[in-house]
Structure formats: structure tokens, C-alpha cells
Amino acid sequence: MNTEIEHKYLVTDSSYLQGYSRKTYFRQGYLTTHPTCVVRVRIANDKAYLTIKGLNKGATRAEYEWEIETDKAQSMLNNLCTTPIIEKTRYIYPYKGHTWEIDCFAGDNNGLVIAEIELDNENEPYECPPFIGKNVTGVERYYNSSLAQHPYSLWSAEEKQQK
């Protein structure tokens, strides 16, 4: 079993645009979003993946991923996935020995920017870059699978303020 250990944060400003090392455009959709298991199809630039993620236990969950043919992924996005499809640009930002992924959402989730850091273990120390805001690890409405069902554009002012 593969394990994903990830912390998620809101981003407070666009200063990451001065220090990122590369960026990737993603389109992804969900075949299922059951509370204990999500199945995602994703196209990242010219590669495609099918991913299964288990239930979050804190910042940890099981994750399995396979590369698939891009035309099959596109067909799944068009015909099988719930809408809206998640669109985002991911910026890779190296900072003090770790790699941060900053997701700048587009489409129905335009205006939302989230940073993630993946760790080798839950107790691994790390420092946050200056653009990092509130920790939203484990807050379900910020999961991509939740954004596909209730996009940021439909959030109430109260939901946006709760952060």
C-alpha cells in the first residue's frame, strides 16, 4: 500500500510566482466520491492517471495511482465524471528542503489557491514559506473531490470567510 502524508494550507498572496521551479496544468474529475474512497482521473499536461485514495486519517491516507492512456482519460472526463471538472495550474515551489505544490484553481473554482506539502512521516519538521496562511488539512470542503461537487464559486460568503 502506498501512503500519502500531506498538509494543506490557504495561500495569502502571489509571491510564490517569483520562486516556482515549474508549473503544470491539470484537468481532473471524479468517478466516485464515496466517503471512504475516491476515484479520480487526471490529465497533467500530456500524461494521464487513474488514482484511488482512501479515507483520511489526519494527514495520512492510502493512495494508488496508475498511468493510463490520455485519450481514455479524456473520454472518462467527458462521459463519466461528475461536473464541474477541476481545472488548476500547479506551481512547484522548493523551500528549505521541501517541495510545495501551489494549486491555483480556474473555472468554477477560480479564486481559490491552496498549497500542499507531502511528507515522509507525520512528525517530519518543515518550515512554511511566507505566503502560507491557515492550515486547512482535513477540512473536507477544500478537498478536490469536494470542490467537484460544491465548487468555490457556489460557496456562501460565510463559507469563504470561515477558511
N, C-alpha and C. Protein backbone atom coordinates (compact mmCIF):
# COMPACT_ATOMS: atom_id res chain seq x y z
N MET A 1 0.84 -1.17 0.00
CA MET A 1 0.00 0.00 0.00
C MET A 1 0.89 1.24 0.00
N ASN A 2 0.53 2.20 -0.82
CA ASN A 2 1.19 3.50 -0.81
C ASN A 2 0.46 4.40 0.17
N THR A 3 1.20 5.28 0.81
CA THR A 3 0.61 6.20 1.77
C THR A 3 0.95 7.62 1.39
N GLU A 4 -0.04 8.49 1.48
CA GLU A 4 0.14 9.91 1.23
C GLU A 4 0.02 10.63 2.57
N ILE A 5 1.04 11.42 2.90
CA ILE A 5 1.01 12.26 4.10
C ILE A 5 1.14 13.69 3.61
N GLU A 6 0.08 14.46 3.78
CA GLU A 6 0.02 15.78 3.16
C GLU A 6 -0.63 16.78 4.10
N HIS A 7 -0.07 17.99 4.09
CA HIS A 7 -0.67 19.11 4.82
C HIS A 7 -1.09 20.15 3.79
N LYS A 8 -2.25 20.75 4.02
CA LYS A 8 -2.86 21.72 3.10
C LYS A 8 -3.03 23.06 3.78
N TYR A 9 -2.72 24.12 3.03
CA TYR A 9 -2.81 25.48 3.56
C TYR A 9 -3.45 26.41 2.53
N LEU A 10 -4.10 27.44 3.01
CA LEU A 10 -4.54 28.51 2.14
C LEU A 10 -3.33 29.39 1.82
N VAL A 11 -3.37 30.02 0.66
CA VAL A 11 -2.28 30.88 0.21
C VAL A 11 -2.74 32.34 0.35
N THR A 12 -1.89 33.17 0.94
CA THR A 12 -2.27 34.54 1.27
C THR A 12 -1.90 35.56 0.20
N ASP A 13 -0.92 35.25 -0.67
CA ASP A 13 -0.54 36.19 -1.72
C ASP A 13 0.14 35.44 -2.86
N SER A 14 0.48 36.14 -3.92
CA SER A 14 1.03 35.50 -5.12
C SER A 14 2.55 35.53 -5.19
N SER A 15 3.23 35.71 -4.07
CA SER A 15 4.70 35.78 -4.10
C SER A 15 5.34 34.47 -4.55
N TYR A 16 4.62 33.34 -4.49
CA TYR A 16 5.14 32.07 -5.00
C TYR A 16 5.45 32.15 -6.49
N LEU A 17 4.85 33.10 -7.20
CA LEU A 17 5.09 33.23 -8.64
C LEU A 17 6.52 33.69 -8.95
N GLN A 18 7.21 34.25 -7.97
CA GLN A 18 8.59 34.67 -8.17
C GLN A 18 9.59 33.54 -7.92
N GLY A 19 9.20 32.47 -7.25
CA GLY A 19 10.18 31.46 -6.90
C GLY A 19 9.86 30.04 -7.33
N TYR A 20 8.84 29.85 -8.14
CA TYR A 20 8.48 28.48 -8.51
C TYR A 20 9.46 27.92 -9.55
N SER A 21 9.60 26.59 -9.57
CA SER A 21 10.55 25.95 -10.48
C SER A 21 9.89 25.42 -11.75
N ARG A 22 8.61 25.07 -11.69
CA ARG A 22 7.88 24.63 -12.89
C ARG A 22 6.38 24.69 -12.59
N LYS A 23 5.60 24.59 -13.66
CA LYS A 23 4.15 24.57 -13.48
C LYS A 23 3.54 23.54 -14.42
N THR A 24 2.37 23.04 -14.01
CA THR A 24 1.66 22.01 -14.77
C THR A 24 0.18 22.36 -14.75
N TYR A 25 -0.47 22.21 -15.90
CA TYR A 25 -1.91 22.42 -15.98
C TYR A 25 -2.61 21.08 -15.81
N PHE A 26 -3.63 21.04 -14.94
CA PHE A 26 -4.38 19.82 -14.66
C PHE A 26 -5.85 19.99 -15.02
N ARG A 27 -6.41 18.90 -15.52
CA ARG A 27 -7.86 18.71 -15.60
C ARG A 27 -8.12 17.39 -14.92
N GLN A 28 -9.03 17.40 -13.96
CA GLN A 28 -9.30 16.15 -13.26
C GLN A 28 -10.76 16.07 -12.88
N GLY A 29 -11.23 14.83 -12.84
CA GLY A 29 -12.62 14.59 -12.47
C GLY A 29 -12.71 13.36 -11.59
N TYR A 30 -13.89 13.16 -11.04
CA TYR A 30 -14.10 12.09 -10.08
C TYR A 30 -15.14 11.10 -10.58
N LEU A 31 -14.75 9.82 -10.56
CA LEU A 31 -15.67 8.75 -10.94
C LEU A 31 -16.55 8.37 -9.75
N THR A 32 -16.01 8.50 -8.55
CA THR A 32 -16.78 8.29 -7.33
C THR A 32 -16.14 9.11 -6.21
N THR A 33 -17.00 9.57 -5.31
CA THR A 33 -16.52 10.33 -4.15
C THR A 33 -17.17 9.78 -2.89
N HIS A 34 -17.12 8.48 -2.74
CA HIS A 34 -17.64 7.84 -1.53
C HIS A 34 -16.81 8.32 -0.34
N PRO A 35 -17.40 8.47 0.84
CA PRO A 35 -16.64 8.98 1.99
C PRO A 35 -15.37 8.18 2.32
N THR A 36 -15.35 6.89 2.02
CA THR A 36 -14.17 6.09 2.37
C THR A 36 -13.21 5.89 1.20
N CYS A 37 -13.61 6.33 -0.01
CA CYS A 37 -12.76 6.08 -1.17
C CYS A 37 -13.17 7.00 -2.33
N VAL A 38 -12.16 7.69 -2.91
CA VAL A 38 -12.43 8.48 -4.10
C VAL A 38 -11.61 7.91 -5.25
N VAL A 39 -12.20 7.96 -6.45
CA VAL A 39 -11.52 7.51 -7.66
C VAL A 39 -11.47 8.70 -8.61
N ARG A 40 -10.25 9.07 -8.98
CA ARG A 40 -10.01 10.28 -9.77
C ARG A 40 -9.33 9.91 -11.08
N VAL A 41 -9.70 10.64 -12.14
CA VAL A 41 -8.96 10.58 -13.40
C VAL A 41 -8.39 11.97 -13.62
N ARG A 42 -7.11 12.01 -14.07
CA ARG A 42 -6.43 13.30 -14.19
C ARG A 42 -5.56 13.31 -15.44
N ILE A 43 -5.61 14.46 -16.11
CA ILE A 43 -4.68 14.73 -17.20
C ILE A 43 -3.79 15.87 -16.73
N ALA A 44 -2.48 15.61 -16.75
CA ALA A 44 -1.48 16.60 -16.35
C ALA A 44 -0.57 16.84 -17.55
N ASN A 45 -0.75 18.00 -18.18
CA ASN A 45 -0.07 18.29 -19.45
C ASN A 45 -0.38 17.18 -20.43
N ASP A 46 0.57 16.31 -20.78
CA ASP A 46 0.32 15.28 -21.79
C ASP A 46 0.29 13.86 -21.22
N LYS A 47 0.18 13.72 -19.90
CA LYS A 47 0.09 12.40 -19.27
C LYS A 47 -1.22 12.29 -18.51
N ALA A 48 -1.67 11.04 -18.33
CA ALA A 48 -2.95 10.83 -17.65
C ALA A 48 -2.80 9.74 -16.59
N TYR A 49 -3.62 9.84 -15.55
CA TYR A 49 -3.52 8.93 -14.41
C TYR A 49 -4.90 8.60 -13.87
N LEU A 50 -5.01 7.38 -13.35
CA LEU A 50 -6.18 6.95 -12.59
C LEU A 50 -5.69 6.75 -11.16
N THR A 51 -6.37 7.38 -10.20
CA THR A 51 -5.93 7.36 -8.81
C THR A 51 -7.07 6.97 -7.89
N ILE A 52 -6.76 6.13 -6.92
CA ILE A 52 -7.71 5.75 -5.88
C ILE A 52 -7.11 6.21 -4.56
N LYS A 53 -7.91 6.96 -3.79
CA LYS A 53 -7.46 7.44 -2.48
C LYS A 53 -8.44 6.98 -1.42
N GLY A 54 -7.88 6.53 -0.29
CA GLY A 54 -8.69 6.05 0.82
C GLY A 54 -9.11 7.17 1.76
N LEU A 55 -9.69 6.79 2.86
CA LEU A 55 -10.18 7.70 3.88
C LEU A 55 -9.02 8.40 4.57
N ASN A 56 -9.15 9.71 4.78
CA ASN A 56 -8.13 10.46 5.51
C ASN A 56 -8.15 10.06 6.98
N LYS A 57 -6.94 9.86 7.52
CA LYS A 57 -6.76 9.66 8.96
C LYS A 57 -5.75 10.70 9.38
N GLY A 58 -6.26 11.88 9.75
CA GLY A 58 -5.39 13.02 10.00
C GLY A 58 -4.85 13.51 8.66
N ALA A 59 -3.54 13.52 8.51
CA ALA A 59 -2.91 13.96 7.27
C ALA A 59 -2.51 12.78 6.39
N THR A 60 -2.92 11.56 6.75
CA THR A 60 -2.47 10.35 6.07
C THR A 60 -3.64 9.61 5.43
N ARG A 61 -3.39 9.02 4.26
CA ARG A 61 -4.38 8.15 3.64
C ARG A 61 -3.70 7.25 2.62
N ALA A 62 -4.35 6.13 2.31
CA ALA A 62 -3.86 5.21 1.29
C ALA A 62 -4.06 5.83 -0.08
N GLU A 63 -3.09 5.59 -0.97
CA GLU A 63 -3.19 6.13 -2.33
C GLU A 63 -2.58 5.14 -3.32
N TYR A 64 -3.28 4.90 -4.42
CA TYR A 64 -2.80 4.04 -5.50
C TYR A 64 -2.97 4.81 -6.81
N GLU A 65 -1.98 4.73 -7.68
CA GLU A 65 -2.05 5.51 -8.93
C GLU A 65 -1.43 4.72 -10.08
N TRP A 66 -2.08 4.82 -11.26
CA TRP A 66 -1.60 4.19 -12.47
C TRP A 66 -1.64 5.18 -13.62
N GLU A 67 -0.61 5.15 -14.47
CA GLU A 67 -0.65 5.95 -15.69
C GLU A 67 -1.56 5.24 -16.68
N ILE A 68 -2.41 6.00 -17.37
CA ILE A 68 -3.32 5.45 -18.36
C ILE A 68 -3.19 6.25 -19.65
N GLU A 69 -3.79 5.76 -20.71
CA GLU A 69 -3.75 6.45 -22.00
C GLU A 69 -4.54 7.76 -21.91
N THR A 70 -3.98 8.82 -22.48
CA THR A 70 -4.60 10.15 -22.38
C THR A 70 -5.97 10.18 -23.04
N ASP A 71 -6.14 9.49 -24.19
CA ASP A 71 -7.45 9.52 -24.85
C ASP A 71 -8.51 8.82 -24.00
N LYS A 72 -8.13 7.78 -23.26
CA LYS A 72 -9.09 7.12 -22.36
C LYS A 72 -9.45 8.04 -21.19
N ALA A 73 -8.44 8.74 -20.67
CA ALA A 73 -8.70 9.68 -19.57
C ALA A 73 -9.63 10.79 -20.04
N GLN A 74 -9.40 11.31 -21.25
CA GLN A 74 -10.25 12.37 -21.78
C GLN A 74 -11.68 11.89 -21.95
N SER A 75 -11.84 10.66 -22.41
CA SER A 75 -13.17 10.07 -22.56
C SER A 75 -13.87 9.95 -21.19
N MET A 76 -13.14 9.53 -20.16
CA MET A 76 -13.72 9.42 -18.82
C MET A 76 -14.12 10.80 -18.30
N LEU A 77 -13.26 11.81 -18.51
CA LEU A 77 -13.59 13.17 -18.07
C LEU A 77 -14.86 13.66 -18.75
N ASN A 78 -14.99 13.36 -20.04
CA ASN A 78 -16.14 13.84 -20.82
C ASN A 78 -17.43 13.08 -20.52
N ASN A 79 -17.33 11.79 -20.18
CA ASN A 79 -18.53 10.96 -20.13
C ASN A 79 -18.88 10.35 -18.78
N LEU A 80 -17.92 10.24 -17.87
CA LEU A 80 -18.17 9.50 -16.63
C LEU A 80 -18.05 10.31 -15.35
N CYS A 81 -17.31 11.38 -15.39
CA CYS A 81 -17.01 12.14 -14.16
C CYS A 81 -18.11 13.11 -13.80
N THR A 82 -18.23 13.33 -12.48
CA THR A 82 -19.14 14.37 -12.01
C THR A 82 -18.60 15.72 -12.48
N THR A 83 -19.48 16.67 -12.61
CA THR A 83 -19.06 18.01 -13.02
C THR A 83 -19.32 18.96 -11.87
N PRO A 84 -18.59 20.03 -11.77
CA PRO A 84 -17.63 20.50 -12.77
C PRO A 84 -16.30 19.75 -12.68
N ILE A 85 -15.60 19.72 -13.79
CA ILE A 85 -14.25 19.18 -13.85
C ILE A 85 -13.32 20.18 -13.16
N ILE A 86 -12.41 19.67 -12.37
CA ILE A 86 -11.44 20.53 -11.68
C ILE A 86 -10.37 20.97 -12.69
N GLU A 87 -10.15 22.28 -12.76
CA GLU A 87 -9.09 22.84 -13.59
C GLU A 87 -8.18 23.65 -12.68
N LYS A 88 -6.87 23.43 -12.82
CA LYS A 88 -5.94 24.17 -11.98
C LYS A 88 -4.55 24.15 -12.59
N THR A 89 -3.78 25.16 -12.22
CA THR A 89 -2.37 25.19 -12.54
C THR A 89 -1.61 24.97 -11.25
N ARG A 90 -0.71 24.00 -11.28
CA ARG A 90 0.10 23.68 -10.10
C ARG A 90 1.50 24.24 -10.28
N TYR A 91 1.91 25.01 -9.30
CA TYR A 91 3.25 25.59 -9.27
C TYR A 91 4.08 24.82 -8.26
N ILE A 92 5.25 24.36 -8.67
CA ILE A 92 6.16 23.65 -7.78
C ILE A 92 7.12 24.68 -7.19
N TYR A 93 7.16 24.73 -5.88
CA TYR A 93 7.92 25.76 -5.17
C TYR A 93 8.85 25.10 -4.14
N PRO A 94 10.15 25.05 -4.44
CA PRO A 94 11.08 24.50 -3.45
C PRO A 94 11.32 25.50 -2.32
N TYR A 95 11.31 24.98 -1.07
CA TYR A 95 11.52 25.88 0.07
C TYR A 95 12.12 25.11 1.23
N LYS A 96 13.32 25.48 1.60
CA LYS A 96 14.03 24.96 2.77
C LYS A 96 13.96 23.44 2.87
N GLY A 97 14.36 22.77 1.79
CA GLY A 97 14.48 21.32 1.80
C GLY A 97 13.21 20.55 1.50
N HIS A 98 12.12 21.24 1.23
CA HIS A 98 10.86 20.57 0.89
C HIS A 98 10.30 21.14 -0.41
N THR A 99 9.39 20.40 -0.99
CA THR A 99 8.72 20.85 -2.20
C THR A 99 7.27 21.14 -1.88
N TRP A 100 6.86 22.37 -2.18
CA TRP A 100 5.48 22.78 -2.00
C TRP A 100 4.79 22.77 -3.36
N GLU A 101 3.52 22.39 -3.38
CA GLU A 101 2.70 22.42 -4.59
C GLU A 101 1.60 23.46 -4.35
N ILE A 102 1.58 24.48 -5.18
CA ILE A 102 0.58 25.53 -5.05
C ILE A 102 -0.42 25.37 -6.19
N ASP A 103 -1.67 25.08 -5.85
CA ASP A 103 -2.73 24.89 -6.84
C ASP A 103 -3.55 26.15 -6.96
N CYS A 104 -3.50 26.74 -8.14
CA CYS A 104 -4.25 27.94 -8.47
C CYS A 104 -5.43 27.49 -9.34
N PHE A 105 -6.62 27.48 -8.77
CA PHE A 105 -7.78 26.92 -9.43
C PHE A 105 -8.37 27.87 -10.47
N ALA A 106 -8.99 27.29 -11.49
CA ALA A 106 -9.66 28.03 -12.55
C ALA A 106 -11.10 27.52 -12.66
N GLY A 107 -11.81 27.99 -13.67
CA GLY A 107 -13.17 27.52 -13.90
C GLY A 107 -14.08 27.82 -12.73
N ASP A 108 -14.88 26.83 -12.32
CA ASP A 108 -15.85 27.01 -11.24
C ASP A 108 -15.20 27.20 -9.86
N ASN A 109 -13.89 26.96 -9.77
CA ASN A 109 -13.18 27.14 -8.50
C ASN A 109 -12.20 28.31 -8.56
N ASN A 110 -12.37 29.17 -9.57
CA ASN A 110 -11.50 30.33 -9.74
C ASN A 110 -11.48 31.17 -8.46
N GLY A 111 -10.29 31.63 -8.08
CA GLY A 111 -10.12 32.45 -6.90
C GLY A 111 -9.58 31.69 -5.70
N LEU A 112 -9.62 30.37 -5.75
CA LEU A 112 -9.11 29.55 -4.66
C LEU A 112 -7.67 29.15 -4.96
N VAL A 113 -6.79 29.36 -3.99
CA VAL A 113 -5.38 28.97 -4.13
C VAL A 113 -4.99 28.22 -2.86
N ILE A 114 -4.53 26.99 -3.04
CA ILE A 114 -4.17 26.11 -1.93
C ILE A 114 -2.75 25.60 -2.13
N ALA A 115 -1.98 25.55 -1.04
CA ALA A 115 -0.63 24.98 -1.06
C ALA A 115 -0.63 23.67 -0.29
N GLU A 116 0.13 22.70 -0.80
CA GLU A 116 0.25 21.41 -0.14
C GLU A 116 1.72 21.05 -0.01
N ILE A 117 2.03 20.33 1.04
CA ILE A 117 3.35 19.76 1.22
C ILE A 117 3.16 18.29 1.55
N GLU A 118 3.88 17.41 0.83
CA GLU A 118 3.85 15.98 1.13
C GLU A 118 5.07 15.65 1.96
N LEU A 119 4.86 14.81 2.97
CA LEU A 119 5.91 14.47 3.91
C LEU A 119 6.18 12.97 3.90
N ASP A 120 7.34 12.58 4.39
CA ASP A 120 7.68 11.16 4.50
C ASP A 120 7.07 10.53 5.75
N ASN A 121 6.87 11.34 6.81
CA ASN A 121 6.20 10.84 8.01
C ASN A 121 5.48 12.01 8.67
N GLU A 122 4.50 11.69 9.50
CA GLU A 122 3.65 12.73 10.09
C GLU A 122 4.39 13.67 11.03
N ASN A 123 5.53 13.25 11.56
CA ASN A 123 6.29 14.08 12.51
C ASN A 123 7.45 14.82 11.87
N GLU A 124 7.55 14.75 10.55
CA GLU A 124 8.65 15.41 9.85
C GLU A 124 8.54 16.93 10.00
N PRO A 125 9.60 17.57 10.47
CA PRO A 125 9.54 19.03 10.62
C PRO A 125 9.69 19.73 9.26
N TYR A 126 9.05 20.88 9.15
CA TYR A 126 9.17 21.70 7.93
C TYR A 126 8.84 23.14 8.27
N GLU A 127 9.34 24.04 7.42
CA GLU A 127 9.04 25.46 7.57
C GLU A 127 8.11 25.90 6.45
N CYS A 128 7.20 26.78 6.76
CA CYS A 128 6.25 27.29 5.76
C CYS A 128 6.83 28.53 5.07
N PRO A 129 6.65 28.61 3.74
CA PRO A 129 7.03 29.84 3.03
C PRO A 129 6.17 31.02 3.51
N PRO A 130 6.59 32.25 3.23
CA PRO A 130 5.88 33.42 3.74
C PRO A 130 4.46 33.59 3.21
N PHE A 131 4.11 32.98 2.09
CA PHE A 131 2.76 33.13 1.52
C PHE A 131 1.76 32.14 2.09
N ILE A 132 2.16 31.33 3.04
CA ILE A 132 1.28 30.30 3.61
C ILE A 132 0.39 30.91 4.68
N GLY A 133 -0.90 30.59 4.58
CA GLY A 133 -1.88 31.06 5.55
C GLY A 133 -2.38 29.93 6.43
N LYS A 134 -3.68 29.92 6.65
CA LYS A 134 -4.31 28.97 7.57
C LYS A 134 -4.15 27.53 7.11
N ASN A 135 -3.89 26.64 8.07
CA ASN A 135 -3.82 25.21 7.81
C ASN A 135 -5.25 24.68 7.65
N VAL A 136 -5.55 24.07 6.49
CA VAL A 136 -6.88 23.51 6.24
C VAL A 136 -6.81 21.99 6.01
N THR A 137 -5.74 21.38 6.52
CA THR A 137 -5.62 19.92 6.44
C THR A 137 -6.83 19.28 7.10
N GLY A 138 -7.47 18.38 6.39
CA GLY A 138 -8.62 17.67 6.94
C GLY A 138 -9.94 18.41 6.84
N VAL A 139 -9.95 19.64 6.33
CA VAL A 139 -11.20 20.39 6.14
C VAL A 139 -11.77 19.96 4.79
N GLU A 140 -12.82 19.18 4.82
CA GLU A 140 -13.33 18.50 3.62
C GLU A 140 -13.68 19.42 2.47
N ARG A 141 -14.19 20.61 2.71
CA ARG A 141 -14.62 21.45 1.60
C ARG A 141 -13.45 21.87 0.71
N TYR A 142 -12.21 21.74 1.21
CA TYR A 142 -11.03 22.07 0.41
C TYR A 142 -10.47 20.87 -0.37
N TYR A 143 -11.03 19.68 -0.18
CA TYR A 143 -10.61 18.53 -0.97
C TYR A 143 -11.05 18.76 -2.42
N ASN A 144 -10.22 18.37 -3.35
CA ASN A 144 -10.59 18.50 -4.76
C ASN A 144 -11.89 17.75 -5.05
N SER A 145 -12.07 16.58 -4.43
CA SER A 145 -13.30 15.81 -4.65
C SER A 145 -14.53 16.59 -4.17
N SER A 146 -14.39 17.36 -3.10
CA SER A 146 -15.50 18.20 -2.62
C SER A 146 -15.72 19.38 -3.55
N LEU A 147 -14.62 19.96 -4.07
CA LEU A 147 -14.74 21.10 -4.98
C LEU A 147 -15.43 20.71 -6.29
N ALA A 148 -15.34 19.42 -6.65
CA ALA A 148 -16.04 18.94 -7.85
C ALA A 148 -17.54 18.84 -7.62
N GLN A 149 -17.95 18.74 -6.37
CA GLN A 149 -19.37 18.65 -6.04
C GLN A 149 -19.96 19.98 -5.61
N HIS A 150 -19.17 20.77 -4.92
CA HIS A 150 -19.61 22.08 -4.41
C HIS A 150 -18.47 23.07 -4.66
N PRO A 151 -18.38 23.59 -5.89
CA PRO A 151 -17.25 24.45 -6.25
C PRO A 151 -17.23 25.77 -5.48
N TYR A 152 -16.03 26.32 -5.42
CA TYR A 152 -15.76 27.57 -4.70
C TYR A 152 -16.69 28.70 -5.15
N SER A 153 -17.05 28.73 -6.43
CA SER A 153 -17.93 29.79 -6.94
C SER A 153 -19.33 29.73 -6.31
N LEU A 154 -19.71 28.60 -5.75
CA LEU A 154 -21.02 28.45 -5.11
C LEU A 154 -20.96 28.59 -3.59
N TRP A 155 -19.77 28.78 -3.05
CA TRP A 155 -19.65 28.93 -1.59
C TRP A 155 -20.31 30.23 -1.17
N SER A 156 -20.93 30.20 -0.03
CA SER A 156 -21.50 31.42 0.53
C SER A 156 -20.37 32.31 1.04
N ALA A 157 -20.69 33.56 1.28
CA ALA A 157 -19.71 34.49 1.85
C ALA A 157 -19.22 33.95 3.20
N GLU A 158 -20.12 33.35 3.96
CA GLU A 158 -19.74 32.78 5.24
C GLU A 158 -18.75 31.63 5.09
N GLU A 159 -18.99 30.74 4.11
CA GLU A 159 -18.05 29.64 3.87
C GLU A 159 -16.67 30.16 3.48
N LYS A 160 -16.64 31.18 2.65
CA LYS A 160 -15.36 31.76 2.22
C LYS A 160 -14.64 32.45 3.38
N GLN A 161 -15.38 33.03 4.30
CA GLN A 161 -14.78 33.72 5.44
C GLN A 161 -14.30 32.75 6.51
N GLN A 162 -14.94 31.58 6.63
CA GLN A 162 -14.57 30.61 7.66
C GLN A 162 -13.14 30.10 7.47
N LYS A 163 -12.75 29.96 6.26
CA LYS A 163 -11.42 29.45 5.91
C LYS A 163 -10.98 28.50 6.94
